[in-house]
Amino acid sequence: MKFYFSIPPGLKPYFNKELENYRNEYSKGYFQNAWNHLERAHIIGQKYPTAHSFVHWKMLIFGIKTKSLKEVLGQIPRLLVGGIKSFVGKVPEGNPGGANVPPLQPFPIAIELQEIFIKAGVQQS
């Protein structure tokens, strides 16, 4: 079993860029675009406990701000166990992290995100 801690330095700029894009889109009122960036940040950071938990926190806050009870209720358990699952290397790869998808279901990773992992020197699976 592999234990994960913090996001690798090569991957962190991509993670941070998605969060920056989220903030920019949200501030303009482009909520769907903002959400898409949170999902991308989730996929990039989901193997690393702090990054994974942070994105679920942002998703919870998004749910509160947009008055989405489904998202709020869906994010609470994800926030509580997501970081633990990351730590022990048991995350469903490619899962975008929202309450609109099953929390344990893996998803294909978009080619663009696969390229980010390659550039960052981070192997998936």
Protein backbone atom coordinates (compact mmCIF):
# COMPACT_ATOMS: atom_id res chain seq x y z
CA MET A 1 0.00 0.00 0.00
CA LYS A 2 1.33 3.42 -0.94
CA PHE A 3 0.75 6.34 1.38
CA TYR A 4 0.34 9.81 -0.12
CA PHE A 5 1.01 13.08 1.62
CA SER A 6 1.31 16.36 -0.24
CA ILE A 7 0.79 17.17 -3.88
CA PRO A 8 4.04 16.82 -5.87
CA PRO A 9 5.79 20.09 -6.80
CA GLY A 10 5.40 19.38 -10.52
CA LEU A 11 1.64 19.00 -10.18
CA LYS A 12 0.97 21.84 -7.76
CA PRO A 13 1.04 24.69 -10.35
CA TYR A 14 -1.66 22.93 -12.39
CA PHE A 15 -3.77 22.39 -9.28
CA ASN A 16 -3.35 26.03 -8.26
CA LYS A 17 -4.21 27.23 -11.78
CA GLU A 18 -7.50 25.33 -11.68
CA LEU A 19 -8.34 26.96 -8.34
CA GLU A 20 -7.41 30.38 -9.74
CA ASN A 21 -9.61 29.74 -12.79
CA TYR A 22 -12.41 28.67 -10.44
CA ARG A 23 -12.18 31.94 -8.51
CA ASN A 24 -12.08 34.03 -11.69
CA GLU A 25 -15.08 32.32 -13.27
CA TYR A 26 -17.05 32.39 -10.02
CA SER A 27 -16.41 36.11 -9.55
CA LYS A 28 -17.82 36.74 -13.04
CA GLY A 29 -20.94 34.72 -12.25
CA TYR A 30 -20.02 31.88 -14.61
CA PHE A 31 -20.95 29.19 -12.13
CA GLN A 32 -20.86 26.20 -14.49
CA ASN A 33 -17.39 27.16 -15.73
CA ALA A 34 -16.28 27.71 -12.14
CA TRP A 35 -17.61 24.29 -11.15
CA ASN A 36 -15.77 22.65 -14.05
CA HIS A 37 -12.50 24.05 -12.71
CA LEU A 38 -13.26 22.66 -9.25
CA GLU A 39 -13.86 19.25 -10.82
CA ARG A 40 -10.53 19.48 -12.67
CA ALA A 41 -8.76 20.52 -9.45
CA HIS A 42 -10.39 17.53 -7.75
CA ILE A 43 -9.09 15.11 -10.37
CA ILE A 44 -5.60 16.62 -10.22
CA GLY A 45 -5.43 16.66 -6.42
CA GLN A 46 -7.51 13.68 -5.38
CA LYS A 47 -4.54 11.43 -4.53
CA TYR A 48 -3.19 13.92 -2.00
CA PRO A 49 -5.08 14.35 1.31
CA THR A 50 -4.72 18.10 1.80
CA ALA A 51 -5.46 19.01 -1.82
CA HIS A 52 -8.33 16.52 -1.99
CA SER A 53 -9.95 17.77 1.21
CA PHE A 54 -9.44 21.39 0.19
CA VAL A 55 -11.32 20.89 -3.09
CA HIS A 56 -14.19 19.18 -1.27
CA TRP A 57 -14.26 22.15 1.11
CA LYS A 58 -14.48 24.52 -1.88
CA MET A 59 -17.24 22.35 -3.36
CA LEU A 60 -19.14 22.51 -0.08
CA ILE A 61 -18.82 26.31 0.01
CA PHE A 62 -19.92 26.44 -3.64
CA GLY A 63 -22.99 24.40 -2.72
CA ILE A 64 -23.79 26.76 0.14
CA LYS A 65 -23.32 29.89 -1.98
CA THR A 66 -25.42 28.53 -4.84
CA LYS A 67 -28.04 27.18 -2.42
CA SER A 68 -27.65 23.60 -3.67
CA LEU A 69 -28.81 21.37 -0.83
CA LYS A 70 -27.86 18.29 -2.87
CA GLU A 71 -24.26 19.53 -3.20
CA VAL A 72 -24.00 20.52 0.45
CA LEU A 73 -25.31 17.16 1.64
CA GLY A 74 -23.13 15.33 -0.88
CA GLN A 75 -19.96 17.15 0.08
CA ILE A 76 -20.15 16.59 3.84
CA PRO A 77 -19.31 12.85 3.74
CA ARG A 78 -16.79 13.42 0.93
CA LEU A 79 -15.08 16.05 3.04
CA LEU A 80 -15.00 13.73 6.05
CA VAL A 81 -13.49 10.69 4.30
CA GLY A 82 -11.89 11.95 1.07
CA GLY A 83 -8.58 12.89 2.64
CA ILE A 84 -8.33 9.57 4.48
CA LYS A 85 -8.93 7.63 1.26
CA SER A 86 -6.26 9.75 -0.45
CA PHE A 87 -3.77 9.05 2.32
CA VAL A 88 -4.08 5.29 1.85
CA GLY A 89 -4.20 5.50 -1.96
CA LYS A 90 -7.81 4.34 -2.39
CA VAL A 91 -9.43 7.05 -4.50
CA PRO A 92 -11.62 6.40 -7.55
CA GLU A 93 -9.33 7.78 -10.24
CA GLY A 94 -10.86 10.44 -12.46
CA ASN A 95 -13.89 10.99 -10.24
CA PRO A 96 -14.84 14.69 -10.52
CA GLY A 97 -15.95 14.86 -6.86
CA GLY A 98 -19.40 16.41 -7.13
CA ALA A 99 -22.59 15.16 -5.52
CA ASN A 100 -23.95 14.45 -9.00
CA VAL A 101 -21.70 11.37 -9.34
CA PRO A 102 -21.26 8.27 -7.15
CA PRO A 103 -18.38 8.97 -4.74
CA LEU A 104 -16.58 5.67 -5.34
CA GLN A 105 -16.97 5.41 -9.12
CA PRO A 106 -13.83 5.86 -11.23
CA PHE A 107 -14.10 7.87 -14.45
CA PRO A 108 -11.88 8.14 -17.53
CA ILE A 109 -9.43 11.01 -17.22
CA ALA A 110 -9.65 13.55 -20.04
CA ILE A 111 -6.67 13.57 -22.41
CA GLU A 112 -5.85 17.15 -21.42
CA LEU A 113 -5.59 16.15 -17.74
CA GLN A 114 -3.59 13.03 -18.62
CA GLU A 115 -1.11 15.33 -20.36
CA ILE A 116 -0.85 17.43 -17.20
CA PHE A 117 0.07 14.33 -15.19
CA ILE A 118 2.68 13.41 -17.80
CA LYS A 119 4.19 16.93 -17.84
CA ALA A 120 4.29 16.90 -14.05
CA GLY A 121 6.00 13.50 -14.03
CA VAL A 122 3.18 11.95 -11.99
CA GLN A 123 2.04 8.46 -12.83
CA GLN A 124 -1.64 7.59 -12.57
CA SER A 125 -2.74 4.27 -11.07
